[in-house]
Amino acid sequence: MAFSKGDIVWVEYDNRYPKKLRHPAVVWEYTDDETDFLGIMPTHARPGGKFDNILMLKTHFLDGEEVSFSDTHFVNQLFIKFQG
């Protein structure tokens, strides 16, 4: 399955509780082989001792989407996400 930059990806596991992960991945860019992607993780956690999270703006979000602005930050690093 191909995603586009900005797509929101929720990972669900049959053998996990809760089944849906707490934080979605937002597609940032694909790796060279276009099977895996780099993603960012939105969170409500503010910057603190061990976190360098960055506050987002309401204009970063589209109205009516599953993930909306609510004092939302993003973790200040890219994560490699593997498509299964």
PDB file of N, CA and C in Angstrom:
ATOM      1  N   MET A   1       0.852  -1.181   0.000  1.00  0.00           N
ATOM      2  CA  MET A   1       0.000   0.000   0.000  1.00  0.00           C
ATOM      3  C   MET A   1       0.889   1.232   0.000  1.00  0.00           C
ATOM      4  N   ALA A   2       0.621   2.139  -0.875  1.00  0.00           N
ATOM      5  CA  ALA A   2       1.409   3.373  -0.959  1.00  0.00           C
ATOM      6  C   ALA A   2       0.685   4.492  -0.206  1.00  0.00           C
ATOM      7  N   PHE A   3       1.468   5.281   0.470  1.00  0.00           N
ATOM      8  CA  PHE A   3       0.942   6.437   1.181  1.00  0.00           C
ATOM      9  C   PHE A   3       1.536   7.696   0.571  1.00  0.00           C
ATOM     10  N   SER A   4       0.922   8.823   0.875  1.00  0.00           N
ATOM     11  CA  SER A   4       1.432  10.122   0.438  1.00  0.00           C
ATOM     12  C   SER A   4       1.867  10.916   1.658  1.00  0.00           C
ATOM     13  N   LYS A   5       2.747  11.872   1.445  1.00  0.00           N
ATOM     14  CA  LYS A   5       3.197  12.731   2.534  1.00  0.00           C
ATOM     15  C   LYS A   5       1.981  13.348   3.225  1.00  0.00           C
ATOM     16  N   GLY A   6       1.959  13.252   4.545  1.00  0.00           N
ATOM     17  CA  GLY A   6       0.855  13.808   5.319  1.00  0.00           C
ATOM     18  C   GLY A   6      -0.223  12.800   5.678  1.00  0.00           C
ATOM     19  N   ASP A   7      -0.212  11.613   5.047  1.00  0.00           N
ATOM     20  CA  ASP A   7      -1.191  10.589   5.403  1.00  0.00           C
ATOM     21  C   ASP A   7      -0.992  10.166   6.853  1.00  0.00           C
ATOM     22  N   ILE A   8      -2.091   9.856   7.518  1.00  0.00           N
ATOM     23  CA  ILE A   8      -2.057   9.407   8.906  1.00  0.00           C
ATOM     24  C   ILE A   8      -2.208   7.897   8.910  1.00  0.00           C
ATOM     25  N   VAL A   9      -1.273   7.231   9.597  1.00  0.00           N
ATOM     26  CA  VAL A   9      -1.259   5.776   9.618  1.00  0.00           C
ATOM     27  C   VAL A   9      -1.400   5.308  11.061  1.00  0.00           C
ATOM     28  N   TRP A  10      -2.436   4.510  11.321  1.00  0.00           N
ATOM     29  CA  TRP A  10      -2.617   3.882  12.627  1.00  0.00           C
ATOM     30  C   TRP A  10      -2.201   2.430  12.493  1.00  0.00           C
ATOM     31  N   VAL A  11      -1.459   1.944  13.425  1.00  0.00           N
ATOM     32  CA  VAL A  11      -1.039   0.547  13.400  1.00  0.00           C
ATOM     33  C   VAL A  11      -1.922  -0.221  14.367  1.00  0.00           C
ATOM     34  N   GLU A  12      -2.485  -1.329  13.881  1.00  0.00           N
ATOM     35  CA  GLU A  12      -3.320  -2.165  14.724  1.00  0.00           C
ATOM     36  C   GLU A  12      -2.709  -3.555  14.820  1.00  0.00           C
ATOM     37  N   TYR A  13      -2.778  -4.129  16.005  1.00  0.00           N
ATOM     38  CA  TYR A  13      -2.252  -5.470  16.247  1.00  0.00           C
ATOM     39  C   TYR A  13      -3.364  -6.339  16.820  1.00  0.00           C
ATOM     40  N   ASP A  14      -3.505  -7.555  16.334  1.00  0.00           N
ATOM     41  CA  ASP A  14      -4.511  -8.468  16.861  1.00  0.00           C
ATOM     42  C   ASP A  14      -4.205  -8.911  18.278  1.00  0.00           C
ATOM     43  N   ASN A  15      -2.925  -9.037  18.619  1.00  0.00           N
ATOM     44  CA  ASN A  15      -2.547  -9.566  19.929  1.00  0.00           C
ATOM     45  C   ASN A  15      -2.068  -8.478  20.885  1.00  0.00           C
ATOM     46  N   ARG A  16      -2.576  -7.269  20.748  1.00  0.00           N
ATOM     47  CA  ARG A  16      -2.148  -6.163  21.594  1.00  0.00           C
ATOM     48  C   ARG A  16      -3.368  -5.483  22.195  1.00  0.00           C
ATOM     49  N   TYR A  17      -3.235  -5.000  23.425  1.00  0.00           N
ATOM     50  CA  TYR A  17      -4.299  -4.206  24.020  1.00  0.00           C
ATOM     51  C   TYR A  17      -3.718  -2.862  24.432  1.00  0.00           C
ATOM     52  N   PRO A  18      -4.265  -1.737  24.051  1.00  0.00           N
ATOM     53  CA  PRO A  18      -5.359  -1.679  23.066  1.00  0.00           C
ATOM     54  C   PRO A  18      -4.854  -2.042  21.683  1.00  0.00           C
ATOM     55  N   LYS A  19      -5.753  -2.447  20.825  1.00  0.00           N
ATOM     56  CA  LYS A  19      -5.354  -2.923  19.494  1.00  0.00           C
ATOM     57  C   LYS A  19      -4.734  -1.821  18.645  1.00  0.00           C
ATOM     58  N   LYS A  20      -5.196  -0.599  18.813  1.00  0.00           N
ATOM     59  CA  LYS A  20      -4.657   0.526  18.040  1.00  0.00           C
ATOM     60  C   LYS A  20      -3.613   1.247  18.880  1.00  0.00           C
ATOM     61  N   LEU A  21      -2.474   1.561  18.281  1.00  0.00           N
ATOM     62  CA  LEU A  21      -1.434   2.272  19.006  1.00  0.00           C
ATOM     63  C   LEU A  21      -1.928   3.644  19.461  1.00  0.00           C
ATOM     64  N   ARG A  22      -1.344   4.156  20.501  1.00  0.00           N
ATOM     65  CA  ARG A  22      -1.760   5.439  21.064  1.00  0.00           C
ATOM     66  C   ARG A  22      -1.426   6.612  20.146  1.00  0.00           C
ATOM     67  N   HIS A  23      -0.301   6.518  19.441  1.00  0.00           N
ATOM     68  CA  HIS A  23       0.129   7.601  18.579  1.00  0.00           C
ATOM     69  C   HIS A  23       0.142   7.135  17.127  1.00  0.00           C
ATOM     70  N   PRO A  24      -0.456   7.907  16.230  1.00  0.00           N
ATOM     71  CA  PRO A  24      -0.358   7.547  14.818  1.00  0.00           C
ATOM     72  C   PRO A  24       0.999   7.968  14.261  1.00  0.00           C
ATOM     73  N   ALA A  25       1.303   7.466  13.099  1.00  0.00           N
ATOM     74  CA  ALA A  25       2.473   7.945  12.352  1.00  0.00           C
ATOM     75  C   ALA A  25       1.947   8.835  11.237  1.00  0.00           C
ATOM     76  N   VAL A  26       2.635   9.932  10.988  1.00  0.00           N
ATOM     77  CA  VAL A  26       2.298  10.798   9.865  1.00  0.00           C
ATOM     78  C   VAL A  26       3.425  10.641   8.855  1.00  0.00           C
ATOM     79  N   VAL A  27       3.073  10.255   7.645  1.00  0.00           N
ATOM     80  CA  VAL A  27       4.086   9.997   6.613  1.00  0.00           C
ATOM     81  C   VAL A  27       4.819  11.290   6.293  1.00  0.00           C
ATOM     82  N   TRP A  28       6.140  11.242   6.363  1.00  0.00           N
ATOM     83  CA  TRP A  28       6.979  12.391   6.026  1.00  0.00           C
ATOM     84  C   TRP A  28       7.609  12.193   4.651  1.00  0.00           C
ATOM     85  N   GLU A  29       8.290  11.065   4.449  1.00  0.00           N
ATOM     86  CA  GLU A  29       8.853  10.753   3.133  1.00  0.00           C
ATOM     87  C   GLU A  29       9.158   9.268   3.058  1.00  0.00           C
ATOM     88  N   TYR A  30       9.238   8.761   1.840  1.00  0.00           N
ATOM     89  CA  TYR A  30       9.574   7.355   1.622  1.00  0.00           C
ATOM     90  C   TYR A  30      11.079   7.163   1.629  1.00  0.00           C
ATOM     91  N   THR A  31      11.498   5.941   1.970  1.00  0.00           N
ATOM     92  CA  THR A  31      12.904   5.584   1.848  1.00  0.00           C
ATOM     93  C   THR A  31      13.205   5.355   0.374  1.00  0.00           C
ATOM     94  N   ASP A  32      14.450   5.103   0.039  1.00  0.00           N
ATOM     95  CA  ASP A  32      14.856   4.954  -1.366  1.00  0.00           C
ATOM     96  C   ASP A  32      14.106   3.855  -2.095  1.00  0.00           C
ATOM     97  N   ASP A  33      13.775   2.754  -1.402  1.00  0.00           N
ATOM     98  CA  ASP A  33      13.093   1.656  -2.097  1.00  0.00           C
ATOM     99  C   ASP A  33      11.571   1.817  -2.098  1.00  0.00           C
ATOM    100  N   GLU A  34      11.069   2.869  -1.490  1.00  0.00           N
ATOM    101  CA  GLU A  34       9.650   3.216  -1.447  1.00  0.00           C
ATOM    102  C   GLU A  34       8.765   2.132  -0.845  1.00  0.00           C
ATOM    103  N   THR A  35       9.325   1.288   0.028  1.00  0.00           N
ATOM    104  CA  THR A  35       8.495   0.323   0.742  1.00  0.00           C
ATOM    105  C   THR A  35       8.332   0.714   2.204  1.00  0.00           C
ATOM    106  N   ASP A  36       9.301   1.413   2.737  1.00  0.00           N
ATOM    107  CA  ASP A  36       9.238   1.903   4.113  1.00  0.00           C
ATOM    108  C   ASP A  36       9.176   3.428   4.050  1.00  0.00           C
ATOM    109  N   PHE A  37       8.788   4.045   5.157  1.00  0.00           N
ATOM    110  CA  PHE A  37       8.730   5.497   5.138  1.00  0.00           C
ATOM    111  C   PHE A  37       9.231   6.082   6.439  1.00  0.00           C
ATOM    112  N   LEU A  38       9.636   7.324   6.369  1.00  0.00           N
ATOM    113  CA  LEU A  38       9.977   8.095   7.552  1.00  0.00           C
ATOM    114  C   LEU A  38       8.703   8.791   8.004  1.00  0.00           C
ATOM    115  N   GLY A  39       8.447   8.752   9.301  1.00  0.00           N
ATOM    116  CA  GLY A  39       7.233   9.359   9.808  1.00  0.00           C
ATOM    117  C   GLY A  39       7.501  10.179  11.052  1.00  0.00           C
ATOM    118  N   ILE A  40       6.570  11.078  11.347  1.00  0.00           N
ATOM    119  CA  ILE A  40       6.630  11.825  12.599  1.00  0.00           C
ATOM    120  C   ILE A  40       5.491  11.352  13.488  1.00  0.00           C
ATOM    121  N   MET A  41       5.641  11.568  14.775  1.00  0.00           N
ATOM    122  CA  MET A  41       4.639  11.100  15.730  1.00  0.00           C
ATOM    123  C   MET A  41       4.046  12.286  16.484  1.00  0.00           C
ATOM    124  N   PRO A  42       2.759  12.571  16.258  1.00  0.00           N
ATOM    125  CA  PRO A  42       2.112  13.618  17.043  1.00  0.00           C
ATOM    126  C   PRO A  42       1.836  13.111  18.456  1.00  0.00           C
ATOM    127  N   THR A  43       1.850  14.034  19.403  1.00  0.00           N
ATOM    128  CA  THR A  43       1.643  13.690  20.810  1.00  0.00           C
ATOM    129  C   THR A  43       1.105  14.900  21.555  1.00  0.00           C
ATOM    130  N   HIS A  44       0.551  14.669  22.717  1.00  0.00           N
ATOM    131  CA  HIS A  44       0.138  15.781  23.568  1.00  0.00           C
ATOM    132  C   HIS A  44       1.216  16.123  24.593  1.00  0.00           C
ATOM    133  N   ALA A  45       2.295  15.353  24.607  1.00  0.00           N
ATOM    134  CA  ALA A  45       3.373  15.589  25.577  1.00  0.00           C
ATOM    135  C   ALA A  45       4.120  16.874  25.237  1.00  0.00           C
ATOM    136  N   ARG A  46       4.248  17.721  26.216  1.00  0.00           N
ATOM    137  CA  ARG A  46       4.980  18.981  26.048  1.00  0.00           C
ATOM    138  C   ARG A  46       6.477  18.729  26.186  1.00  0.00           C
ATOM    139  N   PRO A  47       7.304  19.679  25.740  1.00  0.00           N
ATOM    140  CA  PRO A  47       8.743  19.521  25.949  1.00  0.00           C
ATOM    141  C   PRO A  47       9.029  19.401  27.445  1.00  0.00           C
ATOM    142  N   GLY A  48       9.996  18.596  27.763  1.00  0.00           N
ATOM    143  CA  GLY A  48      10.340  18.406  29.163  1.00  0.00           C
ATOM    144  C   GLY A  48      11.737  17.840  29.279  1.00  0.00           C
ATOM    145  N   GLY A  49      12.076  17.338  30.461  1.00  0.00           N
ATOM    146  CA  GLY A  49      13.406  16.831  30.736  1.00  0.00           C
ATOM    147  C   GLY A  49      13.972  15.906  29.689  1.00  0.00           C
ATOM    148  N   LYS A  50      13.223  14.874  29.276  1.00  0.00           N
ATOM    149  CA  LYS A  50      13.762  13.938  28.298  1.00  0.00           C
ATOM    150  C   LYS A  50      13.109  14.057  26.919  1.00  0.00           C
ATOM    151  N   PHE A  51      12.183  14.984  26.753  1.00  0.00           N
ATOM    152  CA  PHE A  51      11.505  15.163  25.478  1.00  0.00           C
ATOM    153  C   PHE A  51      11.762  16.556  24.924  1.00  0.00           C
ATOM    154  N   ASP A  52      12.008  16.635  23.633  1.00  0.00           N
ATOM    155  CA  ASP A  52      12.220  17.913  22.964  1.00  0.00           C
ATOM    156  C   ASP A  52      11.105  18.120  21.937  1.00  0.00           C
ATOM    157  N   ASN A  53       9.863  17.852  22.361  1.00  0.00           N
ATOM    158  CA  ASN A  53       8.730  17.926  21.439  1.00  0.00           C
ATOM    159  C   ASN A  53       8.455  19.364  21.017  1.00  0.00           C
ATOM    160  N   ILE A  54       7.933  19.506  19.800  1.00  0.00           N
ATOM    161  CA  ILE A  54       7.719  20.825  19.199  1.00  0.00           C
ATOM    162  C   ILE A  54       6.229  21.073  19.013  1.00  0.00           C
ATOM    163  N   LEU A  55       5.751  22.220  19.493  1.00  0.00           N
ATOM    164  CA  LEU A  55       4.346  22.582  19.366  1.00  0.00           C
ATOM    165  C   LEU A  55       3.990  22.794  17.901  1.00  0.00           C
ATOM    166  N   MET A  56       2.871  22.215  17.500  1.00  0.00           N
ATOM    167  CA  MET A  56       2.376  22.404  16.133  1.00  0.00           C
ATOM    168  C   MET A  56       1.364  23.553  16.140  1.00  0.00           C
ATOM    169  N   LEU A  57       0.937  23.947  14.959  1.00  0.00           N
ATOM    170  CA  LEU A  57      -0.059  25.003  14.801  1.00  0.00           C
ATOM    171  C   LEU A  57      -1.368  24.400  14.322  1.00  0.00           C
ATOM    172  N   LYS A  58      -2.457  25.064  14.614  1.00  0.00           N
ATOM    173  CA  LYS A  58      -3.763  24.582  14.141  1.00  0.00           C
ATOM    174  C   LYS A  58      -3.788  24.491  12.617  1.00  0.00           C
ATOM    175  N   THR A  59      -3.025  25.349  11.942  1.00  0.00           N
ATOM    176  CA  THR A  59      -3.010  25.340  10.470  1.00  0.00           C
ATOM    177  C   THR A  59      -2.301  24.110   9.901  1.00  0.00           C
ATOM    178  N   HIS A  60      -1.637  23.320  10.744  1.00  0.00           N
ATOM    179  CA  HIS A  60      -1.010  22.085  10.291  1.00  0.00           C
ATOM    180  C   HIS A  60      -2.029  20.963  10.091  1.00  0.00           C
ATOM    181  N   PHE A  61      -3.276  21.187  10.488  1.00  0.00           N
ATOM    182  CA  PHE A  61      -4.301  20.149  10.474  1.00  0.00           C
ATOM    183  C   PHE A  61      -5.460  20.550   9.574  1.00  0.00           C
ATOM    184  N   LEU A  62      -6.090  19.539   8.968  1.00  0.00           N
ATOM    185  CA  LEU A  62      -7.284  19.759   8.167  1.00  0.00           C
ATOM    186  C   LEU A  62      -8.510  19.511   9.032  1.00  0.00           C
ATOM    187  N   ASP A  63      -9.542  20.343   8.885  1.00  0.00           N
ATOM    188  CA  ASP A  63     -10.781  20.159   9.634  1.00  0.00           C
ATOM    189  C   ASP A  63     -11.455  18.855   9.211  1.00  0.00           C
ATOM    190  N   GLY A  64     -12.075  18.198  10.166  1.00  0.00           N
ATOM    191  CA  GLY A  64     -12.851  17.000   9.871  1.00  0.00           C
ATOM    192  C   GLY A  64     -12.048  15.710   9.797  1.00  0.00           C
ATOM    193  N   GLU A  65     -10.757  15.767  10.060  1.00  0.00           N
ATOM    194  CA  GLU A  65      -9.922  14.557  10.015  1.00  0.00           C
ATOM    195  C   GLU A  65      -9.899  13.885  11.383  1.00  0.00           C
ATOM    196  N   GLU A  66      -9.492  12.623  11.409  1.00  0.00           N
ATOM    197  CA  GLU A  66      -9.455  11.840  12.644  1.00  0.00           C
ATOM    198  C   GLU A  66      -8.497  12.444  13.675  1.00  0.00           C
ATOM    199  N   VAL A  67      -7.385  12.983  13.230  1.00  0.00           N
ATOM    200  CA  VAL A  67      -6.424  13.630  14.115  1.00  0.00           C
ATOM    201  C   VAL A  67      -6.564  15.135  13.925  1.00  0.00           C
ATOM    202  N   SER A  68      -6.829  15.842  15.016  1.00  0.00           N
ATOM    203  CA  SER A  68      -7.020  17.288  14.927  1.00  0.00           C
ATOM    204  C   SER A  68      -6.106  17.973  15.947  1.00  0.00           C
ATOM    205  N   PHE A  69      -5.991  19.276  15.810  1.00  0.00           N
ATOM    206  CA  PHE A  69      -5.145  20.038  16.730  1.00  0.00           C
ATOM    207  C   PHE A  69      -5.804  20.112  18.097  1.00  0.00           C
ATOM    208  N   SER A  70      -5.043  19.773  19.109  1.00  0.00           N
ATOM    209  CA  SER A  70      -5.494  19.879  20.488  1.00  0.00           C
ATOM    210  C   SER A  70      -4.247  20.049  21.351  1.00  0.00           C
ATOM    211  N   ASP A  71      -3.637  21.237  21.273  1.00  0.00           N
ATOM    212  CA  ASP A  71      -2.360  21.492  21.942  1.00  0.00           C
ATOM    213  C   ASP A  71      -1.363  20.404  21.538  1.00  0.00           C
ATOM    214  N   THR A  72      -1.337  20.089  20.245  1.00  0.00           N
ATOM    215  CA  THR A  72      -0.573  18.963  19.714  1.00  0.00           C
ATOM    216  C   THR A  72       0.877  19.349  19.436  1.00  0.00           C
ATOM    217  N   HIS A  73       1.761  18.460  19.813  1.00  0.00           N
ATOM    218  CA  HIS A  73       3.196  18.596  19.567  1.00  0.00           C
ATOM    219  C   HIS A  73       3.614  17.446  18.652  1.00  0.00           C
ATOM    220  N   PHE A  74       4.827  17.475  18.167  1.00  0.00           N
ATOM    221  CA  PHE A  74       5.366  16.279  17.522  1.00  0.00           C
ATOM    222  C   PHE A  74       6.733  15.989  18.102  1.00  0.00           C
ATOM    223  N   VAL A  75       7.046  14.699  18.141  1.00  0.00           N
ATOM    224  CA  VAL A  75       8.321  14.244  18.680  1.00  0.00           C
ATOM    225  C   VAL A  75       9.407  14.701  17.723  1.00  0.00           C
ATOM    226  N   ASN A  76      10.437  15.321  18.250  1.00  0.00           N
ATOM    227  CA  ASN A  76      11.475  15.941  17.438  1.00  0.00           C
ATOM    228  C   ASN A  76      12.488  14.913  16.909  1.00  0.00           C
ATOM    229  N   GLN A  77      11.983  13.941  16.168  1.00  0.00           N
ATOM    230  CA  GLN A  77      12.837  12.986  15.462  1.00  0.00           C
ATOM    231  C   GLN A  77      11.977  12.253  14.449  1.00  0.00           C
ATOM    232  N   LEU A  78      12.606  11.746  13.412  1.00  0.00           N
ATOM    233  CA  LEU A  78      11.899  10.949  12.422  1.00  0.00           C
ATOM    234  C   LEU A  78      11.990   9.487  12.823  1.00  0.00           C
ATOM    235  N   PHE A  79      10.925   8.754  12.582  1.00  0.00           N
ATOM    236  CA  PHE A  79      10.886   7.325  12.869  1.00  0.00           C
ATOM    237  C   PHE A  79      10.813   6.582  11.543  1.00  0.00           C
ATOM    238  N   ILE A  80      11.514   5.466  11.451  1.00  0.00           N
ATOM    239  CA  ILE A  80      11.385   4.611  10.271  1.00  0.00           C
ATOM    240  C   ILE A  80      10.228   3.661  10.521  1.00  0.00           C
ATOM    241  N   LYS A  81       9.244   3.700   9.656  1.00  0.00           N
ATOM    242  CA  LYS A  81       8.067   2.838   9.761  1.00  0.00           C
ATOM    243  C   LYS A  81       8.123   1.840   8.616  1.00  0.00           C
ATOM    244  N   PHE A  82       7.822   0.599   8.932  1.00  0.00           N
ATOM    245  CA  PHE A  82       7.887  -0.467   7.939  1.00  0.00           C
ATOM    246  C   PHE A  82       6.476  -0.857   7.539  1.00  0.00           C
ATOM    247  N   GLN A  83       6.216  -0.874   6.244  1.00  0.00           N
ATOM    248  CA  GLN A  83       4.917  -1.311   5.761  1.00  0.00           C
ATOM    249  C   GLN A  83       4.879  -2.825   5.783  1.00  0.00           C
ATOM    250  N   GLY A  84       3.766  -3.362   6.231  1.00  0.00           N
ATOM    251  CA  GLY A  84       3.649  -4.808   6.317  1.00  0.00           C
ATOM    252  C   GLY A  84       2.700  -5.381   5.316  1.00  0.00           C
TER     253      GLY A  84
END
